[in-house]
Amino acid sequence: MQRKKCGLKYPKMYEDKEDSVFNCYQRAHQNTLESYPAFIALLLSSGLGYPLTASTFGMIWVVGRVFYSLGYYSGDPRKRMRGMWHMAGLLGLLATTCVFGCRLALSL
């Protein structure tokens, strides 16, 4: 509302050219920021019950994100798939969080 009142335009996050290398870097960064809150929440909650397992899945996610980003930077969509196994880390954290939650619920 204030932005409109003051005549300020929204910031440009991407370059206009479709094949821009900058856009590849920016999209990889944005994609990481989108999944980071879920990763942190799952890492902390599963780490309460299974700290070693959570740290292992956390490292899988981090290393996978690095490979995913490096592939994204190349501009070739097929190279992004090299790091898609970061999802295995996230799913592992989700599973351990669910197991820990069930264990807590059943102990009450």
PDB file of N, CA and C in Angstrom:
ATOM      1  N   MET A   1       0.828  -1.179   0.000  1.00  0.00           N
ATOM      2  CA  MET A   1       0.000   0.000   0.000  1.00  0.00           C
ATOM      3  C   MET A   1       0.881   1.255   0.000  1.00  0.00           C
ATOM      4  N   GLN A   2       1.846   1.318   0.912  1.00  0.00           N
ATOM      5  CA  GLN A   2       2.729   2.481   0.976  1.00  0.00           C
ATOM      6  C   GLN A   2       3.601   2.578  -0.270  1.00  0.00           C
ATOM      7  N   ARG A   3       3.987   1.442  -0.798  1.00  0.00           N
ATOM      8  CA  ARG A   3       4.810   1.425  -2.004  1.00  0.00           C
ATOM      9  C   ARG A   3       4.066   2.120  -3.150  1.00  0.00           C
ATOM     10  N   LYS A   4       2.785   1.815  -3.283  1.00  0.00           N
ATOM     11  CA  LYS A   4       1.966   2.410  -4.342  1.00  0.00           C
ATOM     12  C   LYS A   4       1.784   3.907  -4.099  1.00  0.00           C
ATOM     13  N   LYS A   5       1.553   4.253  -2.835  1.00  0.00           N
ATOM     14  CA  LYS A   5       1.330   5.651  -2.476  1.00  0.00           C
ATOM     15  C   LYS A   5       2.557   6.511  -2.772  1.00  0.00           C
ATOM     16  N   CYS A   6       3.742   5.945  -2.544  1.00  0.00           N
ATOM     17  CA  CYS A   6       4.991   6.689  -2.767  1.00  0.00           C
ATOM     18  C   CYS A   6       5.519   6.551  -4.191  1.00  0.00           C
ATOM     19  N   GLY A   7       4.858   5.738  -4.997  1.00  0.00           N
ATOM     20  CA  GLY A   7       5.287   5.581  -6.387  1.00  0.00           C
ATOM     21  C   GLY A   7       6.507   4.692  -6.557  1.00  0.00           C
ATOM     22  N   LEU A   8       6.743   3.790  -5.618  1.00  0.00           N
ATOM     23  CA  LEU A   8       7.896   2.892  -5.710  1.00  0.00           C
ATOM     24  C   LEU A   8       7.511   1.619  -6.452  1.00  0.00           C
ATOM     25  N   LYS A   9       8.376   1.207  -7.359  1.00  0.00           N
ATOM     26  CA  LYS A   9       8.129  -0.023  -8.110  1.00  0.00           C
ATOM     27  C   LYS A   9       8.713  -1.208  -7.346  1.00  0.00           C
ATOM     28  N   TYR A  10       8.209  -2.399  -7.660  1.00  0.00           N
ATOM     29  CA  TYR A  10       8.749  -3.615  -7.058  1.00  0.00           C
ATOM     30  C   TYR A  10      10.154  -3.868  -7.595  1.00  0.00           C
ATOM     31  N   PRO A  11      11.033  -4.431  -6.775  1.00  0.00           N
ATOM     32  CA  PRO A  11      12.394  -4.700  -7.260  1.00  0.00           C
ATOM     33  C   PRO A  11      12.392  -5.812  -8.310  1.00  0.00           C
ATOM     34  N   LYS A  12      13.317  -5.702  -9.242  1.00  0.00           N
ATOM     35  CA  LYS A  12      13.466  -6.743 -10.256  1.00  0.00           C
ATOM     36  C   LYS A  12      14.379  -7.821  -9.684  1.00  0.00           C
ATOM     37  N   MET A  13      13.900  -9.037  -9.679  1.00  0.00           N
ATOM     38  CA  MET A  13      14.704 -10.124  -9.139  1.00  0.00           C
ATOM     39  C   MET A  13      15.421 -10.898 -10.231  1.00  0.00           C
ATOM     40  N   TYR A  14      14.923 -10.799 -11.469  1.00  0.00           N
ATOM     41  CA  TYR A  14      15.504 -11.557 -12.566  1.00  0.00           C
ATOM     42  C   TYR A  14      15.842 -10.633 -13.716  1.00  0.00           C
ATOM     43  N   GLU A  15      16.806 -11.060 -14.498  1.00  0.00           N
ATOM     44  CA  GLU A  15      17.181 -10.326 -15.692  1.00  0.00           C
ATOM     45  C   GLU A  15      16.165 -10.636 -16.792  1.00  0.00           C
ATOM     46  N   ASP A  16      15.979  -9.709 -17.701  1.00  0.00           N
ATOM     47  CA  ASP A  16      14.974  -9.874 -18.749  1.00  0.00           C
ATOM     48  C   ASP A  16      15.313 -10.977 -19.746  1.00  0.00           C
ATOM     49  N   LYS A  17      16.595 -11.194 -19.989  1.00  0.00           N
ATOM     50  CA  LYS A  17      16.982 -12.236 -20.943  1.00  0.00           C
ATOM     51  C   LYS A  17      16.714 -13.610 -20.340  1.00  0.00           C
ATOM     52  N   GLU A  18      16.086 -14.484 -21.118  1.00  0.00           N
ATOM     53  CA  GLU A  18      15.729 -15.821 -20.627  1.00  0.00           C
ATOM     54  C   GLU A  18      16.947 -16.696 -20.362  1.00  0.00           C
ATOM     55  N   ASP A  19      17.986 -16.576 -21.183  1.00  0.00           N
ATOM     56  CA  ASP A  19      19.140 -17.459 -21.056  1.00  0.00           C
ATOM     57  C   ASP A  19      20.249 -16.857 -20.188  1.00  0.00           C
ATOM     58  N   SER A  20      19.896 -16.013 -19.270  1.00  0.00           N
ATOM     59  CA  SER A  20      20.868 -15.333 -18.428  1.00  0.00           C
ATOM     60  C   SER A  20      21.448 -16.265 -17.366  1.00  0.00           C
ATOM     61  N   VAL A  21      22.751 -16.213 -17.192  1.00  0.00           N
ATOM     62  CA  VAL A  21      23.408 -17.000 -16.146  1.00  0.00           C
ATOM     63  C   VAL A  21      22.997 -16.461 -14.776  1.00  0.00           C
ATOM     64  N   PHE A  22      22.812 -15.154 -14.685  1.00  0.00           N
ATOM     65  CA  PHE A  22      22.368 -14.563 -13.422  1.00  0.00           C
ATOM     66  C   PHE A  22      21.048 -15.171 -12.974  1.00  0.00           C
ATOM     67  N   ASN A  23      20.127 -15.363 -13.903  1.00  0.00           N
ATOM     68  CA  ASN A  23      18.832 -15.961 -13.558  1.00  0.00           C
ATOM     69  C   ASN A  23      18.995 -17.364 -12.995  1.00  0.00           C
ATOM     70  N   CYS A  24      19.947 -18.110 -13.522  1.00  0.00           N
ATOM     71  CA  CYS A  24      20.199 -19.464 -13.007  1.00  0.00           C
ATOM     72  C   CYS A  24      20.669 -19.400 -11.558  1.00  0.00           C
ATOM     73  N   TYR A  25      21.582 -18.500 -11.263  1.00  0.00           N
ATOM     74  CA  TYR A  25      22.063 -18.343  -9.887  1.00  0.00           C
ATOM     75  C   TYR A  25      20.932 -17.878  -8.969  1.00  0.00           C
ATOM     76  N   GLN A  26      20.162 -16.925  -9.447  1.00  0.00           N
ATOM     77  CA  GLN A  26      19.073 -16.374  -8.638  1.00  0.00           C
ATOM     78  C   GLN A  26      17.999 -17.423  -8.362  1.00  0.00           C
ATOM     79  N   ARG A  27      17.660 -18.214  -9.350  1.00  0.00           N
ATOM     80  CA  ARG A  27      16.629 -19.245  -9.163  1.00  0.00           C
ATOM     81  C   ARG A  27      17.105 -20.341  -8.223  1.00  0.00           C
ATOM     82  N   ALA A  28      18.366 -20.720  -8.332  1.00  0.00           N
ATOM     83  CA  ALA A  28      18.913 -21.731  -7.411  1.00  0.00           C
ATOM     84  C   ALA A  28      18.875 -21.209  -5.981  1.00  0.00           C
ATOM     85  N   HIS A  29      19.214 -19.947  -5.812  1.00  0.00           N
ATOM     86  CA  HIS A  29      19.192 -19.331  -4.484  1.00  0.00           C
ATOM     87  C   HIS A  29      17.766 -19.274  -3.942  1.00  0.00           C
ATOM     88  N   GLN A  30      16.830 -18.826  -4.765  1.00  0.00           N
ATOM     89  CA  GLN A  30      15.428 -18.740  -4.339  1.00  0.00           C
ATOM     90  C   GLN A  30      14.872 -20.114  -3.976  1.00  0.00           C
ATOM     91  N   ASN A  31      15.224 -21.119  -4.760  1.00  0.00           N
ATOM     92  CA  ASN A  31      14.745 -22.469  -4.494  1.00  0.00           C
ATOM     93  C   ASN A  31      15.274 -22.979  -3.158  1.00  0.00           C
ATOM     94  N   THR A  32      16.520 -22.665  -2.856  1.00  0.00           N
ATOM     95  CA  THR A  32      17.090 -23.067  -1.565  1.00  0.00           C
ATOM     96  C   THR A  32      16.382 -22.348  -0.426  1.00  0.00           C
ATOM     97  N   LEU A  33      16.108 -21.066  -0.598  1.00  0.00           N
ATOM     98  CA  LEU A  33      15.408 -20.314   0.448  1.00  0.00           C
ATOM     99  C   LEU A  33      13.999 -20.840   0.687  1.00  0.00           C
ATOM    100  N   GLU A  34      13.368 -21.364  -0.353  1.00  0.00           N
ATOM    101  CA  GLU A  34      12.015 -21.903  -0.204  1.00  0.00           C
ATOM    102  C   GLU A  34      11.995 -23.183   0.623  1.00  0.00           C
ATOM    103  N   SER A  35      13.025 -24.001   0.493  1.00  0.00           N
ATOM    104  CA  SER A  35      13.030 -25.277   1.219  1.00  0.00           C
ATOM    105  C   SER A  35      13.755 -25.198   2.561  1.00  0.00           C
ATOM    106  N   TYR A  36      14.481 -24.116   2.808  1.00  0.00           N
ATOM    107  CA  TYR A  36      15.276 -23.998   4.031  1.00  0.00           C
ATOM    108  C   TYR A  36      14.447 -24.012   5.322  1.00  0.00           C
ATOM    109  N   PRO A  37      13.332 -23.292   5.421  1.00  0.00           N
ATOM    110  CA  PRO A  37      12.556 -23.334   6.678  1.00  0.00           C
ATOM    111  C   PRO A  37      12.064 -24.735   7.031  1.00  0.00           C
ATOM    112  N   ALA A  38      11.600 -25.481   6.042  1.00  0.00           N
ATOM    113  CA  ALA A  38      11.155 -26.856   6.307  1.00  0.00           C
ATOM    114  C   ALA A  38      12.328 -27.709   6.760  1.00  0.00           C
ATOM    115  N   PHE A  39      13.477 -27.521   6.120  1.00  0.00           N
ATOM    116  CA  PHE A  39      14.673 -28.277   6.500  1.00  0.00           C
ATOM    117  C   PHE A  39      15.055 -28.006   7.950  1.00  0.00           C
ATOM    118  N   ILE A  40      15.105 -26.736   8.338  1.00  0.00           N
ATOM    119  CA  ILE A  40      15.495 -26.383   9.709  1.00  0.00           C
ATOM    120  C   ILE A  40      14.495 -26.933  10.717  1.00  0.00           C
ATOM    121  N   ALA A  41      13.204 -26.790  10.444  1.00  0.00           N
ATOM    122  CA  ALA A  41      12.181 -27.288  11.371  1.00  0.00           C
ATOM    123  C   ALA A  41      12.284 -28.799  11.541  1.00  0.00           C
ATOM    124  N   LEU A  42      12.448 -29.512  10.438  1.00  0.00           N
ATOM    125  CA  LEU A  42      12.556 -30.972  10.518  1.00  0.00           C
ATOM    126  C   LEU A  42      13.864 -31.405  11.168  1.00  0.00           C
ATOM    127  N   LEU A  43      14.942 -30.689  10.880  1.00  0.00           N
ATOM    128  CA  LEU A  43      16.237 -31.026  11.484  1.00  0.00           C
ATOM    129  C   LEU A  43      16.186 -30.870  12.998  1.00  0.00           C
ATOM    130  N   LEU A  44      15.605 -29.775  13.460  1.00  0.00           N
ATOM    131  CA  LEU A  44      15.523 -29.541  14.902  1.00  0.00           C
ATOM    132  C   LEU A  44      14.590 -30.528  15.585  1.00  0.00           C
ATOM    133  N   SER A  45      13.441 -30.780  14.986  1.00  0.00           N
ATOM    134  CA  SER A  45      12.482 -31.677  15.640  1.00  0.00           C
ATOM    135  C   SER A  45      12.947 -33.129  15.615  1.00  0.00           C
ATOM    136  N   SER A  46      13.537 -33.575  14.529  1.00  0.00           N
ATOM    137  CA  SER A  46      14.023 -34.959  14.517  1.00  0.00           C
ATOM    138  C   SER A  46      15.305 -35.097  15.327  1.00  0.00           C
ATOM    139  N   GLY A  47      16.065 -34.018  15.430  1.00  0.00           N
ATOM    140  CA  GLY A  47      17.294 -34.044  16.222  1.00  0.00           C
ATOM    141  C   GLY A  47      17.044 -34.213  17.705  1.00  0.00           C
ATOM    142  N   LEU A  48      15.851 -33.869  18.162  1.00  0.00           N
ATOM    143  CA  LEU A  48      15.523 -34.071  19.573  1.00  0.00           C
ATOM    144  C   LEU A  48      15.483 -35.549  19.934  1.00  0.00           C
ATOM    145  N   GLY A  49      15.004 -36.366  19.023  1.00  0.00           N
ATOM    146  CA  GLY A  49      14.880 -37.792  19.303  1.00  0.00           C
ATOM    147  C   GLY A  49      16.010 -38.625  18.741  1.00  0.00           C
ATOM    148  N   TYR A  50      16.512 -38.216  17.590  1.00  0.00           N
ATOM    149  CA  TYR A  50      17.533 -38.998  16.892  1.00  0.00           C
ATOM    150  C   TYR A  50      18.642 -38.075  16.384  1.00  0.00           C
ATOM    151  N   PRO A  51      19.513 -37.602  17.275  1.00  0.00           N
ATOM    152  CA  PRO A  51      20.502 -36.599  16.861  1.00  0.00           C
ATOM    153  C   PRO A  51      21.485 -37.074  15.783  1.00  0.00           C
ATOM    154  N   LEU A  52      21.977 -38.291  15.872  1.00  0.00           N
ATOM    155  CA  LEU A  52      22.938 -38.763  14.869  1.00  0.00           C
ATOM    156  C   LEU A  52      22.273 -39.004  13.520  1.00  0.00           C
ATOM    157  N   THR A  53      21.101 -39.580  13.549  1.00  0.00           N
ATOM    158  CA  THR A  53      20.364 -39.807  12.303  1.00  0.00           C
ATOM    159  C   THR A  53      19.986 -38.477  11.659  1.00  0.00           C
ATOM    160  N   ALA A  54      19.543 -37.534  12.478  1.00  0.00           N
ATOM    161  CA  ALA A  54      19.163 -36.217  11.956  1.00  0.00           C
ATOM    162  C   ALA A  54      20.366 -35.502  11.346  1.00  0.00           C
ATOM    163  N   SER A  55      21.521 -35.593  11.992  1.00  0.00           N
ATOM    164  CA  SER A  55      22.703 -34.924  11.439  1.00  0.00           C
ATOM    165  C   SER A  55      23.143 -35.583  10.133  1.00  0.00           C
ATOM    166  N   THR A  56      22.982 -36.892  10.027  1.00  0.00           N
ATOM    167  CA  THR A  56      23.315 -37.581   8.776  1.00  0.00           C
ATOM    168  C   THR A  56      22.387 -37.138   7.651  1.00  0.00           C
ATOM    169  N   PHE A  57      21.093 -37.131   7.918  1.00  0.00           N
ATOM    170  CA  PHE A  57      20.144 -36.665   6.900  1.00  0.00           C
ATOM    171  C   PHE A  57      20.356 -35.182   6.592  1.00  0.00           C
ATOM    172  N   GLY A  58      20.743 -34.405   7.590  1.00  0.00           N
ATOM    173  CA  GLY A  58      21.032 -32.994   7.371  1.00  0.00           C
ATOM    174  C   GLY A  58      22.209 -32.791   6.434  1.00  0.00           C
ATOM    175  N   MET A  59      23.250 -33.598   6.607  1.00  0.00           N
ATOM    176  CA  MET A  59      24.410 -33.494   5.714  1.00  0.00           C
ATOM    177  C   MET A  59      24.054 -33.934   4.294  1.00  0.00           C
ATOM    178  N   ILE A  60      23.208 -34.949   4.181  1.00  0.00           N
ATOM    179  CA  ILE A  60      22.755 -35.375   2.849  1.00  0.00           C
ATOM    180  C   ILE A  60      22.034 -34.215   2.163  1.00  0.00           C
ATOM    181  N   TRP A  61      21.199 -33.498   2.915  1.00  0.00           N
ATOM    182  CA  TRP A  61      20.473 -32.364   2.344  1.00  0.00           C
ATOM    183  C   TRP A  61      21.441 -31.262   1.906  1.00  0.00           C
ATOM    184  N   VAL A  62      22.403 -30.931   2.767  1.00  0.00           N
ATOM    185  CA  VAL A  62      23.344 -29.845   2.456  1.00  0.00           C
ATOM    186  C   VAL A  62      24.180 -30.185   1.223  1.00  0.00           C
ATOM    187  N   VAL A  63      24.766 -31.374   1.200  1.00  0.00           N
ATOM    188  CA  VAL A  63      25.600 -31.763   0.059  1.00  0.00           C
ATOM    189  C   VAL A  63      24.749 -31.855  -1.213  1.00  0.00           C
ATOM    190  N   GLY A  64      23.542 -32.382  -1.085  1.00  0.00           N
ATOM    191  CA  GLY A  64      22.644 -32.447  -2.234  1.00  0.00           C
ATOM    192  C   GLY A  64      22.296 -31.071  -2.769  1.00  0.00           C
ATOM    193  N   ARG A  65      22.081 -30.112  -1.870  1.00  0.00           N
ATOM    194  CA  ARG A  65      21.773 -28.744  -2.304  1.00  0.00           C
ATOM    195  C   ARG A  65      22.956 -28.128  -3.038  1.00  0.00           C
ATOM    196  N   VAL A  66      24.171 -28.425  -2.591  1.00  0.00           N
ATOM    197  CA  VAL A  66      25.355 -27.900  -3.283  1.00  0.00           C
ATOM    198  C   VAL A  66      25.398 -28.437  -4.713  1.00  0.00           C
ATOM    199  N   PHE A  67      25.224 -29.748  -4.871  1.00  0.00           N
ATOM    200  CA  PHE A  67      25.244 -30.334  -6.212  1.00  0.00           C
ATOM    201  C   PHE A  67      24.074 -29.835  -7.062  1.00  0.00           C
ATOM    202  N   TYR A  68      22.918 -29.670  -6.453  1.00  0.00           N
ATOM    203  CA  TYR A  68      21.753 -29.146  -7.171  1.00  0.00           C
ATOM    204  C   TYR A  68      22.044 -27.728  -7.669  1.00  0.00           C
ATOM    205  N   SER A  69      22.603 -26.897  -6.796  1.00  0.00           N
ATOM    206  CA  SER A  69      22.900 -25.510  -7.174  1.00  0.00           C
ATOM    207  C   SER A  69      23.957 -25.448  -8.267  1.00  0.00           C
ATOM    208  N   LEU A  70      25.004 -26.246  -8.133  1.00  0.00           N
ATOM    209  CA  LEU A  70      26.041 -26.251  -9.169  1.00  0.00           C
ATOM    210  C   LEU A  70      25.466 -26.675 -10.517  1.00  0.00           C
ATOM    211  N   GLY A  71      24.570 -27.638 -10.495  1.00  0.00           N
ATOM    212  CA  GLY A  71      23.916 -28.047 -11.731  1.00  0.00           C
ATOM    213  C   GLY A  71      23.010 -26.962 -12.282  1.00  0.00           C
ATOM    214  N   TYR A  72      22.326 -26.259 -11.407  1.00  0.00           N
ATOM    215  CA  TYR A  72      21.426 -25.181 -11.839  1.00  0.00           C
ATOM    216  C   TYR A  72      22.229 -24.037 -12.449  1.00  0.00           C
ATOM    217  N   TYR A  73      23.392 -23.737 -11.866  1.00  0.00           N
ATOM    218  CA  TYR A  73      24.222 -22.646 -12.375  1.00  0.00           C
ATOM    219  C   TYR A  73      24.644 -22.880 -13.825  1.00  0.00           C
ATOM    220  N   SER A  74      24.736 -24.132 -14.231  1.00  0.00           N
ATOM    221  CA  SER A  74      25.207 -24.443 -15.583  1.00  0.00           C
ATOM    222  C   SER A  74      24.205 -24.010 -16.656  1.00  0.00           C
ATOM    223  N   GLY A  75      22.933 -23.904 -16.293  1.00  0.00           N
ATOM    224  CA  GLY A  75      21.913 -23.545 -17.268  1.00  0.00           C
ATOM    225  C   GLY A  75      21.304 -24.747 -17.969  1.00  0.00           C
ATOM    226  N   ASP A  76      21.874 -25.926 -17.772  1.00  0.00           N
ATOM    227  CA  ASP A  76      21.354 -27.157 -18.377  1.00  0.00           C
ATOM    228  C   ASP A  76      20.432 -27.845 -17.374  1.00  0.00           C
ATOM    229  N   PRO A  77      19.125 -27.923 -17.646  1.00  0.00           N
ATOM    230  CA  PRO A  77      18.181 -28.506 -16.679  1.00  0.00           C
ATOM    231  C   PRO A  77      18.519 -29.937 -16.262  1.00  0.00           C
ATOM    232  N   ARG A  78      19.127 -30.716 -17.148  1.00  0.00           N
ATOM    233  CA  ARG A  78      19.465 -32.098 -16.794  1.00  0.00           C
ATOM    234  C   ARG A  78      20.523 -32.166 -15.700  1.00  0.00           C
ATOM    235  N   LYS A  79      21.393 -31.171 -15.635  1.00  0.00           N
ATOM    236  CA  LYS A  79      22.457 -31.188 -14.625  1.00  0.00           C
ATOM    237  C   LYS A  79      21.929 -30.898 -13.224  1.00  0.00           C
ATOM    238  N   ARG A  80      20.738 -30.319 -13.138  1.00  0.00           N
ATOM    239  CA  ARG A  80      20.125 -30.081 -11.829  1.00  0.00           C
ATOM    240  C   ARG A  80      19.812 -31.386 -11.118  1.00  0.00           C
ATOM    241  N   MET A  81      19.513 -32.410 -11.887  1.00  0.00           N
ATOM    242  CA  MET A  81      19.077 -33.687 -11.319  1.00  0.00           C
ATOM    243  C   MET A  81      20.174 -34.379 -10.526  1.00  0.00           C
ATOM    244  N   ARG A  82      21.426 -33.986 -10.731  1.00  0.00           N
ATOM    245  CA  ARG A  82      22.529 -34.591  -9.976  1.00  0.00           C
ATOM    246  C   ARG A  82      22.356 -34.396  -8.479  1.00  0.00           C
ATOM    247  N   GLY A  83      21.780 -33.298  -8.093  1.00  0.00           N
ATOM    248  CA  GLY A  83      21.626 -33.007  -6.672  1.00  0.00           C
ATOM    249  C   GLY A  83      20.241 -33.251  -6.129  1.00  0.00           C
ATOM    250  N   MET A  84      19.389 -33.871  -6.915  1.00  0.00           N
ATOM    251  CA  MET A  84      18.014 -34.082  -6.451  1.00  0.00           C
ATOM    252  C   MET A  84      17.926 -35.031  -5.264  1.00  0.00           C
ATOM    253  N   TRP A  85      19.002 -35.740  -4.973  1.00  0.00           N
ATOM    254  CA  TRP A  85      18.968 -36.627  -3.816  1.00  0.00           C
ATOM    255  C   TRP A  85      18.969 -35.848  -2.509  1.00  0.00           C
ATOM    256  N   HIS A  86      19.032 -34.517  -2.570  1.00  0.00           N
ATOM    257  CA  HIS A  86      18.854 -33.746  -1.333  1.00  0.00           C
ATOM    258  C   HIS A  86      17.463 -34.000  -0.754  1.00  0.00           C
ATOM    259  N   MET A  87      16.537 -34.385  -1.638  1.00  0.00           N
ATOM    260  CA  MET A  87      15.188 -34.707  -1.170  1.00  0.00           C
ATOM    261  C   MET A  87      15.181 -35.944  -0.276  1.00  0.00           C
ATOM    262  N   ALA A  88      16.130 -36.856  -0.488  1.00  0.00           N
ATOM    263  CA  ALA A  88      16.235 -38.036   0.381  1.00  0.00           C
ATOM    264  C   ALA A  88      16.554 -37.600   1.806  1.00  0.00           C
ATOM    265  N   GLY A  89      17.396 -36.584   1.936  1.00  0.00           N
ATOM    266  CA  GLY A  89      17.697 -36.052   3.262  1.00  0.00           C
ATOM    267  C   GLY A  89      16.474 -35.436   3.912  1.00  0.00           C
ATOM    268  N   LEU A  90      15.710 -34.687   3.134  1.00  0.00           N
ATOM    269  CA  LEU A  90      14.504 -34.050   3.659  1.00  0.00           C
ATOM    270  C   LEU A  90      13.441 -35.087   4.027  1.00  0.00           C
ATOM    271  N   LEU A  91      13.266 -36.089   3.188  1.00  0.00           N
ATOM    272  CA  LEU A  91      12.293 -37.143   3.488  1.00  0.00           C
ATOM    273  C   LEU A  91      12.728 -37.976   4.692  1.00  0.00           C
ATOM    274  N   GLY A  92      14.038 -38.194   4.827  1.00  0.00           N
ATOM    275  CA  GLY A  92      14.544 -38.902   6.001  1.00  0.00           C
ATOM    276  C   GLY A  92      14.273 -38.127   7.278  1.00  0.00           C
ATOM    277  N   LEU A  93      14.453 -36.812   7.217  1.00  0.00           N
ATOM    278  CA  LEU A  93      14.150 -35.973   8.378  1.00  0.00           C
ATOM    279  C   LEU A  93      12.661 -35.993   8.693  1.00  0.00           C
ATOM    280  N   LEU A  94      11.839 -35.992   7.660  1.00  0.00           N
ATOM    281  CA  LEU A  94      10.394 -36.068   7.865  1.00  0.00           C
ATOM    282  C   LEU A  94      10.009 -37.391   8.528  1.00  0.00           C
ATOM    283  N   ALA A  95      10.603 -38.477   8.070  1.00  0.00           N
ATOM    284  CA  ALA A  95      10.295 -39.792   8.636  1.00  0.00           C
ATOM    285  C   ALA A  95      10.730 -39.881  10.099  1.00  0.00           C
ATOM    286  N   THR A  96      11.940 -39.409  10.411  1.00  0.00           N
ATOM    287  CA  THR A  96      12.403 -39.484  11.803  1.00  0.00           C
ATOM    288  C   THR A  96      11.601 -38.552  12.700  1.00  0.00           C
ATOM    289  N   THR A  97      11.151 -37.428  12.165  1.00  0.00           N
ATOM    290  CA  THR A  97      10.291 -36.539  12.947  1.00  0.00           C
ATOM    291  C   THR A  97       8.962 -37.221  13.251  1.00  0.00           C
ATOM    292  N   CYS A  98       8.399 -37.895  12.257  1.00  0.00           N
ATOM    293  CA  CYS A  98       7.129 -38.617  12.473  1.00  0.00           C
ATOM    294  C   CYS A  98       7.296 -39.736  13.491  1.00  0.00           C
ATOM    295  N   VAL A  99       8.376 -40.486  13.383  1.00  0.00           N
ATOM    296  CA  VAL A  99       8.623 -41.577  14.334  1.00  0.00           C
ATOM    297  C   VAL A  99       8.801 -41.016  15.737  1.00  0.00           C
ATOM    298  N   PHE A 100       9.553 -39.938  15.856  1.00  0.00           N
ATOM    299  CA  PHE A 100       9.769 -39.318  17.166  1.00  0.00           C
ATOM    300  C   PHE A 100       8.457 -38.789  17.731  1.00  0.00           C
ATOM    301  N   GLY A 101       7.638 -38.165  16.881  1.00  0.00           N
ATOM    302  CA  GLY A 101       6.339 -37.662  17.331  1.00  0.00           C
ATOM    303  C   GLY A 101       5.422 -38.779  17.791  1.00  0.00           C
ATOM    304  N   CYS A 102       5.392 -39.874  17.053  1.00  0.00           N
ATOM    305  CA  CYS A 102       4.570 -41.031  17.458  1.00  0.00           C
ATOM    306  C   CYS A 102       5.078 -41.623  18.761  1.00  0.00           C
ATOM    307  N   ARG A 103       6.390 -41.699  18.883  1.00  0.00           N
ATOM    308  CA  ARG A 103       6.977 -42.227  20.115  1.00  0.00           C
ATOM    309  C   ARG A 103       6.596 -41.361  21.313  1.00  0.00           C
ATOM    310  N   LEU A 104       6.618 -40.062  21.119  1.00  0.00           N
ATOM    311  CA  LEU A 104       6.220 -39.150  22.199  1.00  0.00           C
ATOM    312  C   LEU A 104       4.738 -39.284  22.517  1.00  0.00           C
ATOM    313  N   ALA A 105       3.922 -39.364  21.487  1.00  0.00           N
ATOM    314  CA  ALA A 105       2.472 -39.456  21.690  1.00  0.00           C
ATOM    315  C   ALA A 105       2.089 -40.747  22.410  1.00  0.00           C
ATOM    316  N   LEU A 106       2.752 -41.825  22.084  1.00  0.00           N
ATOM    317  CA  LEU A 106       2.430 -43.108  22.706  1.00  0.00           C
ATOM    318  C   LEU A 106       2.950 -43.221  24.135  1.00  0.00           C
ATOM    319  N   SER A 107       3.933 -42.400  24.475  1.00  0.00           N
ATOM    320  CA  SER A 107       4.482 -42.464  25.835  1.00  0.00           C
ATOM    321  C   SER A 107       3.667 -41.642  26.824  1.00  0.00           C
ATOM    322  N   LEU A 108       2.737 -40.837  26.333  1.00  0.00           N
ATOM    323  CA  LEU A 108       1.922 -40.000  27.228  1.00  0.00           C
ATOM    324  C   LEU A 108       0.864 -40.766  27.914  1.00  0.00           C
TER     325      LEU A 108
END
